[in-house]
Amino acid sequence: WLKNNLYRNNIKVIVASWYLPNSGRNAFEEYRKSHIPKAVFFDIDKVSNKKTSLPHMLPSSTIFEKEVSKLGISNSDTIIIYCKEGIISSPRVWWTFLYFGHKKVFVLNGGYKAWRLNGGKQKFGIKKNKQKKYKCKKIRKNLVIEHTSLYNLIIKKNTKYLVLDARPEKRFLEEENEPRVNIGKGKIPGSKNFPFS
């Protein structure tokens, strides 16, 4: 579908690759070397809340609007998001757009690997974007729970809620250290492990 519709004006493609600090990989450099034509790079670390020591927490609507406008994306666009390694970080960016009320946003099935395996073209270098005016229409606050609310639910042992931890099993079981700063070993009490892989 994307190959057939890629060059329509309202189709915007986003590269959402992100890697853990200990991976030795640079998502932006990989984007620069090879990406789907028309694709722009969404920096998960940059488009985040800088007022916390925790990594890539949700940005304010003002920051999101500013950064998405710079990418040349408007509210009426259909957005296709992918990452280099199948489907790892693209769902995070997809969810962020949903949270800020974007209606037409999708994850490319299989990501860049699937695109290349199916004969999709690649482009090199950095795409210059014509800035647009993006505005968050309806923030879907029901997609987020604050830690204090979750803590209260856990204390009350509210069985209507299931908390899933998407980290690899060894990190969930506290057998391996967290590769990011300010994140120690541990897990939410009563949570279940459902590794993203």
C-alpha atoms as a PDB file:
ATOM      1  CA  TRP A   1       0.000   0.000   0.000  1.00  0.00           C
ATOM      2  CA  LEU A   2       2.749   2.457   0.915  1.00  0.00           C
ATOM      3  CA  LYS A   3       4.625   1.876  -2.354  1.00  0.00           C
ATOM      4  CA  ASN A   4       1.426   2.681  -4.268  1.00  0.00           C
ATOM      5  CA  ASN A   5       0.570   5.762  -2.207  1.00  0.00           C
ATOM      6  CA  LEU A   6       3.954   7.132  -1.110  1.00  0.00           C
ATOM      7  CA  TYR A   7       3.992  10.206  -3.375  1.00  0.00           C
ATOM      8  CA  ARG A   8       0.502  11.478  -2.519  1.00  0.00           C
ATOM      9  CA  ASN A   9       0.776  14.934  -0.896  1.00  0.00           C
ATOM     10  CA  ASN A  10      -1.073  13.979   2.269  1.00  0.00           C
ATOM     11  CA  ILE A  11       1.105  10.908   2.983  1.00  0.00           C
ATOM     12  CA  LYS A  12       3.864  11.614   5.499  1.00  0.00           C
ATOM     13  CA  VAL A  13       6.435   8.996   6.465  1.00  0.00           C
ATOM     14  CA  ILE A  14       8.261   9.129   9.795  1.00  0.00           C
ATOM     15  CA  VAL A  15      11.375   7.234  10.863  1.00  0.00           C
ATOM     16  CA  ALA A  16      11.024   6.578  14.593  1.00  0.00           C
ATOM     17  CA  SER A  17      14.119   4.464  15.208  1.00  0.00           C
ATOM     18  CA  TRP A  18      15.579   4.622  18.707  1.00  0.00           C
ATOM     19  CA  TYR A  19      18.172   2.472  20.444  1.00  0.00           C
ATOM     20  CA  LEU A  20      19.237   1.909  24.035  1.00  0.00           C
ATOM     21  CA  PRO A  21      22.426   3.805  24.983  1.00  0.00           C
ATOM     22  CA  ASN A  22      24.454   0.581  25.268  1.00  0.00           C
ATOM     23  CA  SER A  23      23.605  -0.557  21.710  1.00  0.00           C
ATOM     24  CA  GLY A  24      26.410   1.420  20.046  1.00  0.00           C
ATOM     25  CA  ARG A  25      23.968   2.558  17.339  1.00  0.00           C
ATOM     26  CA  ASN A  26      22.963   6.053  16.234  1.00  0.00           C
ATOM     27  CA  ALA A  27      19.403   6.211  14.885  1.00  0.00           C
ATOM     28  CA  PHE A  28      19.818   9.602  13.186  1.00  0.00           C
ATOM     29  CA  GLU A  29      23.021   8.550  11.377  1.00  0.00           C
ATOM     30  CA  GLU A  30      21.286   5.391  10.168  1.00  0.00           C
ATOM     31  CA  TYR A  31      18.395   7.531   8.916  1.00  0.00           C
ATOM     32  CA  ARG A  32      20.854   9.806   7.089  1.00  0.00           C
ATOM     33  CA  LYS A  33      22.484   6.826   5.364  1.00  0.00           C
ATOM     34  CA  SER A  34      19.283   5.124   4.219  1.00  0.00           C
ATOM     35  CA  HIS A  35      15.526   5.627   4.570  1.00  0.00           C
ATOM     36  CA  ILE A  36      12.232   5.427   2.704  1.00  0.00           C
ATOM     37  CA  PRO A  37      11.873   8.343   0.245  1.00  0.00           C
ATOM     38  CA  LYS A  38      10.040  11.355   1.773  1.00  0.00           C
ATOM     39  CA  ALA A  39      10.699  10.097   5.317  1.00  0.00           C
ATOM     40  CA  VAL A  40      11.507  12.551   8.108  1.00  0.00           C
ATOM     41  CA  PHE A  41      13.252  11.675  11.376  1.00  0.00           C
ATOM     42  CA  PHE A  42      11.335  11.845  14.674  1.00  0.00           C
ATOM     43  CA  ASP A  43      13.739  12.114  17.614  1.00  0.00           C
ATOM     44  CA  ILE A  44      12.039  10.419  20.584  1.00  0.00           C
ATOM     45  CA  ASP A  45      14.562  11.898  23.034  1.00  0.00           C
ATOM     46  CA  LYS A  46      14.221  15.437  21.673  1.00  0.00           C
ATOM     47  CA  VAL A  47      10.415  15.430  21.494  1.00  0.00           C
ATOM     48  CA  SER A  48      10.006  14.712  25.196  1.00  0.00           C
ATOM     49  CA  ASN A  49       9.606  16.313  28.594  1.00  0.00           C
ATOM     50  CA  LYS A  50      12.996  17.791  29.552  1.00  0.00           C
ATOM     51  CA  LYS A  51      11.811  18.783  33.040  1.00  0.00           C
ATOM     52  CA  THR A  52      12.197  15.251  34.372  1.00  0.00           C
ATOM     53  CA  SER A  53      15.230  13.030  34.873  1.00  0.00           C
ATOM     54  CA  LEU A  54      13.323  10.120  33.350  1.00  0.00           C
ATOM     55  CA  PRO A  55      13.954   9.324  29.669  1.00  0.00           C
ATOM     56  CA  HIS A  56      11.590  10.379  26.878  1.00  0.00           C
ATOM     57  CA  MET A  57       8.475  11.128  28.923  1.00  0.00           C
ATOM     58  CA  LEU A  58       5.544  12.661  26.997  1.00  0.00           C
ATOM     59  CA  PRO A  59       6.201  16.242  25.863  1.00  0.00           C
ATOM     60  CA  SER A  60       3.797  19.105  26.434  1.00  0.00           C
ATOM     61  CA  SER A  61       1.349  19.814  23.609  1.00  0.00           C
ATOM     62  CA  THR A  62       3.317  23.024  22.853  1.00  0.00           C
ATOM     63  CA  ILE A  63       6.586  21.129  22.306  1.00  0.00           C
ATOM     64  CA  PHE A  64       4.824  18.424  20.284  1.00  0.00           C
ATOM     65  CA  GLU A  65       3.106  20.985  18.031  1.00  0.00           C
ATOM     66  CA  LYS A  66       6.365  22.877  17.476  1.00  0.00           C
ATOM     67  CA  GLU A  67       8.434  19.778  16.610  1.00  0.00           C
ATOM     68  CA  VAL A  68       5.772  18.138  14.410  1.00  0.00           C
ATOM     69  CA  SER A  69       5.274  21.448  12.539  1.00  0.00           C
ATOM     70  CA  LYS A  70       9.034  21.495  11.830  1.00  0.00           C
ATOM     71  CA  LEU A  71       8.708  18.022  10.287  1.00  0.00           C
ATOM     72  CA  GLY A  72       6.289  19.440   7.710  1.00  0.00           C
ATOM     73  CA  ILE A  73       3.283  17.530   9.031  1.00  0.00           C
ATOM     74  CA  SER A  74      -0.244  18.940   9.179  1.00  0.00           C
ATOM     75  CA  ASN A  75      -3.359  17.674  10.972  1.00  0.00           C
ATOM     76  CA  SER A  76      -4.950  16.382   7.776  1.00  0.00           C
ATOM     77  CA  ASP A  77      -1.967  14.189   6.811  1.00  0.00           C
ATOM     78  CA  THR A  78      -1.973  10.408   6.907  1.00  0.00           C
ATOM     79  CA  ILE A  79       1.137   9.394   8.828  1.00  0.00           C
ATOM     80  CA  ILE A  80       3.035   6.139   8.342  1.00  0.00           C
ATOM     81  CA  ILE A  81       5.619   5.410  11.042  1.00  0.00           C
ATOM     82  CA  TYR A  82       8.418   2.876  10.883  1.00  0.00           C
ATOM     83  CA  CYS A  83      11.666   1.955  12.541  1.00  0.00           C
ATOM     84  CA  LYS A  84      14.742   0.260  11.169  1.00  0.00           C
ATOM     85  CA  GLU A  85      14.393  -2.966  13.134  1.00  0.00           C
ATOM     86  CA  GLY A  86      10.903  -4.271  12.399  1.00  0.00           C
ATOM     87  CA  ILE A  87       8.493  -2.894  14.977  1.00  0.00           C
ATOM     88  CA  ILE A  88      10.288  -1.668  18.113  1.00  0.00           C
ATOM     89  CA  SER A  89      10.135   2.104  18.686  1.00  0.00           C
ATOM     90  CA  SER A  90       7.570   3.001  15.996  1.00  0.00           C
ATOM     91  CA  PRO A  91       4.583   2.029  18.199  1.00  0.00           C
ATOM     92  CA  ARG A  92       5.763   4.574  20.796  1.00  0.00           C
ATOM     93  CA  VAL A  93       5.605   7.422  18.258  1.00  0.00           C
ATOM     94  CA  TRP A  94       2.304   6.074  16.853  1.00  0.00           C
ATOM     95  CA  TRP A  95       0.845   6.119  20.383  1.00  0.00           C
ATOM     96  CA  THR A  96       2.172   9.664  20.985  1.00  0.00           C
ATOM     97  CA  PHE A  97       0.362  10.928  17.872  1.00  0.00           C
ATOM     98  CA  LEU A  98      -2.813   9.142  19.018  1.00  0.00           C
ATOM     99  CA  TYR A  99      -2.473  10.712  22.469  1.00  0.00           C
ATOM    100  CA  PHE A 100      -2.282  14.190  20.928  1.00  0.00           C
ATOM    101  CA  GLY A 101      -5.404  13.481  18.849  1.00  0.00           C
ATOM    102  CA  HIS A 102      -4.058  12.693  15.362  1.00  0.00           C
ATOM    103  CA  LYS A 103      -6.649  10.648  13.487  1.00  0.00           C
ATOM    104  CA  LYS A 104      -4.829   8.946  10.610  1.00  0.00           C
ATOM    105  CA  VAL A 105      -1.620   7.392  11.936  1.00  0.00           C
ATOM    106  CA  PHE A 106      -0.284   3.904  11.211  1.00  0.00           C
ATOM    107  CA  VAL A 107       2.754   1.691  11.847  1.00  0.00           C
ATOM    108  CA  LEU A 108       4.405   0.185   8.758  1.00  0.00           C
ATOM    109  CA  ASN A 109       4.093  -3.573   9.131  1.00  0.00           C
ATOM    110  CA  GLY A 110       7.600  -5.047   9.351  1.00  0.00           C
ATOM    111  CA  GLY A 111       9.283  -1.626   9.282  1.00  0.00           C
ATOM    112  CA  TYR A 112      12.224  -0.784   7.038  1.00  0.00           C
ATOM    113  CA  LYS A 113      13.325  -4.419   6.746  1.00  0.00           C
ATOM    114  CA  ALA A 114       9.982  -5.383   5.206  1.00  0.00           C
ATOM    115  CA  TRP A 115      10.097  -2.309   2.938  1.00  0.00           C
ATOM    116  CA  ARG A 116      13.503  -3.327   1.538  1.00  0.00           C
ATOM    117  CA  LEU A 117      12.589  -7.028   1.258  1.00  0.00           C
ATOM    118  CA  ASN A 118       9.583  -6.027  -0.847  1.00  0.00           C
ATOM    119  CA  GLY A 119      11.668  -3.956  -3.246  1.00  0.00           C
ATOM    120  CA  GLY A 120      10.976  -0.563  -1.695  1.00  0.00           C
ATOM    121  CA  LYS A 121      13.313   2.235  -2.811  1.00  0.00           C
ATOM    122  CA  GLN A 122      15.722   3.934  -0.439  1.00  0.00           C
ATOM    123  CA  LYS A 123      16.900   7.504  -0.169  1.00  0.00           C
ATOM    124  CA  PHE A 124      20.075   8.987   1.321  1.00  0.00           C
ATOM    125  CA  GLY A 125      20.797  12.249   3.134  1.00  0.00           C
ATOM    126  CA  ILE A 126      18.531  14.542   5.117  1.00  0.00           C
ATOM    127  CA  LYS A 127      15.162  15.692   3.818  1.00  0.00           C
ATOM    128  CA  LYS A 128      14.495  19.434   4.114  1.00  0.00           C
ATOM    129  CA  ASN A 129      10.973  20.051   5.299  1.00  0.00           C
ATOM    130  CA  LYS A 130       8.626  22.861   4.476  1.00  0.00           C
ATOM    131  CA  GLN A 131       7.306  23.814   7.912  1.00  0.00           C
ATOM    132  CA  LYS A 132       3.569  23.427   8.474  1.00  0.00           C
ATOM    133  CA  LYS A 133       1.247  24.532  11.267  1.00  0.00           C
ATOM    134  CA  TYR A 134       0.390  21.520  13.419  1.00  0.00           C
ATOM    135  CA  LYS A 135      -2.152  21.881  16.235  1.00  0.00           C
ATOM    136  CA  CYS A 136      -3.150  19.301  18.843  1.00  0.00           C
ATOM    137  CA  LYS A 137      -6.925  19.027  18.475  1.00  0.00           C
ATOM    138  CA  LYS A 138      -8.104  16.686  21.223  1.00  0.00           C
ATOM    139  CA  ILE A 139      -5.653  15.283  23.736  1.00  0.00           C
ATOM    140  CA  ARG A 140      -6.667  11.767  24.757  1.00  0.00           C
ATOM    141  CA  LYS A 141      -5.707  11.865  28.426  1.00  0.00           C
ATOM    142  CA  ASN A 142      -7.425   8.507  28.976  1.00  0.00           C
ATOM    143  CA  LEU A 143      -4.401   6.871  27.271  1.00  0.00           C
ATOM    144  CA  VAL A 144      -2.141   7.770  30.215  1.00  0.00           C
ATOM    145  CA  ILE A 145      -2.185   6.991  33.913  1.00  0.00           C
ATOM    146  CA  GLU A 146      -0.116   8.949  36.429  1.00  0.00           C
ATOM    147  CA  HIS A 147       2.144   6.987  38.758  1.00  0.00           C
ATOM    148  CA  THR A 148       0.232   8.125  41.867  1.00  0.00           C
ATOM    149  CA  SER A 149      -3.062   6.827  40.421  1.00  0.00           C
ATOM    150  CA  LEU A 150      -1.465   3.518  39.482  1.00  0.00           C
ATOM    151  CA  TYR A 151       0.130   3.254  42.926  1.00  0.00           C
ATOM    152  CA  ASN A 152      -3.280   3.764  44.577  1.00  0.00           C
ATOM    153  CA  LEU A 153      -4.832   1.070  42.373  1.00  0.00           C
ATOM    154  CA  ILE A 154      -2.049  -1.358  43.305  1.00  0.00           C
ATOM    155  CA  ILE A 155      -2.445  -0.616  47.030  1.00  0.00           C
ATOM    156  CA  LYS A 156      -6.192  -1.279  46.735  1.00  0.00           C
ATOM    157  CA  LYS A 157      -5.376  -4.482  44.770  1.00  0.00           C
ATOM    158  CA  ASN A 158      -7.828  -3.471  42.067  1.00  0.00           C
ATOM    159  CA  THR A 159      -8.070  -6.609  39.905  1.00  0.00           C
ATOM    160  CA  LYS A 160      -9.644  -4.803  36.945  1.00  0.00           C
ATOM    161  CA  TYR A 161      -6.175  -3.606  35.945  1.00  0.00           C
ATOM    162  CA  LEU A 162      -3.287  -5.596  34.485  1.00  0.00           C
ATOM    163  CA  VAL A 163       0.136  -3.941  34.259  1.00  0.00           C
ATOM    164  CA  LEU A 164       2.371  -5.281  31.489  1.00  0.00           C
ATOM    165  CA  ASP A 165       6.126  -4.717  31.491  1.00  0.00           C
ATOM    166  CA  ALA A 166       7.538  -4.847  27.938  1.00  0.00           C
ATOM    167  CA  ARG A 167      11.221  -5.083  28.902  1.00  0.00           C
ATOM    168  CA  PRO A 168      13.281  -8.216  28.194  1.00  0.00           C
ATOM    169  CA  GLU A 169      12.773 -10.957  30.782  1.00  0.00           C
ATOM    170  CA  LYS A 170      16.219 -10.633  32.416  1.00  0.00           C
ATOM    171  CA  ARG A 171      15.636  -6.953  33.149  1.00  0.00           C
ATOM    172  CA  PHE A 172      12.140  -7.691  34.466  1.00  0.00           C
ATOM    173  CA  LEU A 173      13.550 -10.416  36.739  1.00  0.00           C
ATOM    174  CA  GLU A 174      16.257  -7.943  37.882  1.00  0.00           C
ATOM    175  CA  GLU A 175      19.038 -10.231  36.618  1.00  0.00           C
ATOM    176  CA  GLU A 176      20.437  -7.463  34.395  1.00  0.00           C
ATOM    177  CA  ASN A 177      20.992  -3.777  35.085  1.00  0.00           C
ATOM    178  CA  GLU A 178      18.978  -1.134  33.280  1.00  0.00           C
ATOM    179  CA  PRO A 179      21.045   0.348  30.414  1.00  0.00           C
ATOM    180  CA  ARG A 180      19.683   3.876  30.951  1.00  0.00           C
ATOM    181  CA  VAL A 181      20.709   6.445  33.540  1.00  0.00           C
ATOM    182  CA  ASN A 182      18.323   7.135  36.441  1.00  0.00           C
ATOM    183  CA  ILE A 183      16.529   3.818  35.951  1.00  0.00           C
ATOM    184  CA  GLY A 184      17.379   1.291  38.636  1.00  0.00           C
ATOM    185  CA  LYS A 185      16.474  -2.383  38.890  1.00  0.00           C
ATOM    186  CA  GLY A 186      12.919  -3.175  39.843  1.00  0.00           C
ATOM    187  CA  LYS A 187       9.381  -3.604  38.607  1.00  0.00           C
ATOM    188  CA  ILE A 188       5.854  -2.514  39.435  1.00  0.00           C
ATOM    189  CA  PRO A 189       4.347  -4.861  42.065  1.00  0.00           C
ATOM    190  CA  GLY A 190       1.985  -7.399  40.494  1.00  0.00           C
ATOM    191  CA  SER A 191       3.048  -6.571  36.924  1.00  0.00           C
ATOM    192  CA  LYS A 192       3.470  -9.307  34.305  1.00  0.00           C
ATOM    193  CA  ASN A 193       6.299  -9.549  31.801  1.00  0.00           C
ATOM    194  CA  PHE A 194       5.347  -9.362  28.118  1.00  0.00           C
ATOM    195  CA  PRO A 195       8.644  -8.624  26.286  1.00  0.00           C
ATOM    196  CA  PHE A 196       8.294  -6.338  23.235  1.00  0.00           C
ATOM    197  CA  SER A 197      10.325  -8.827  21.167  1.00  0.00           C
END
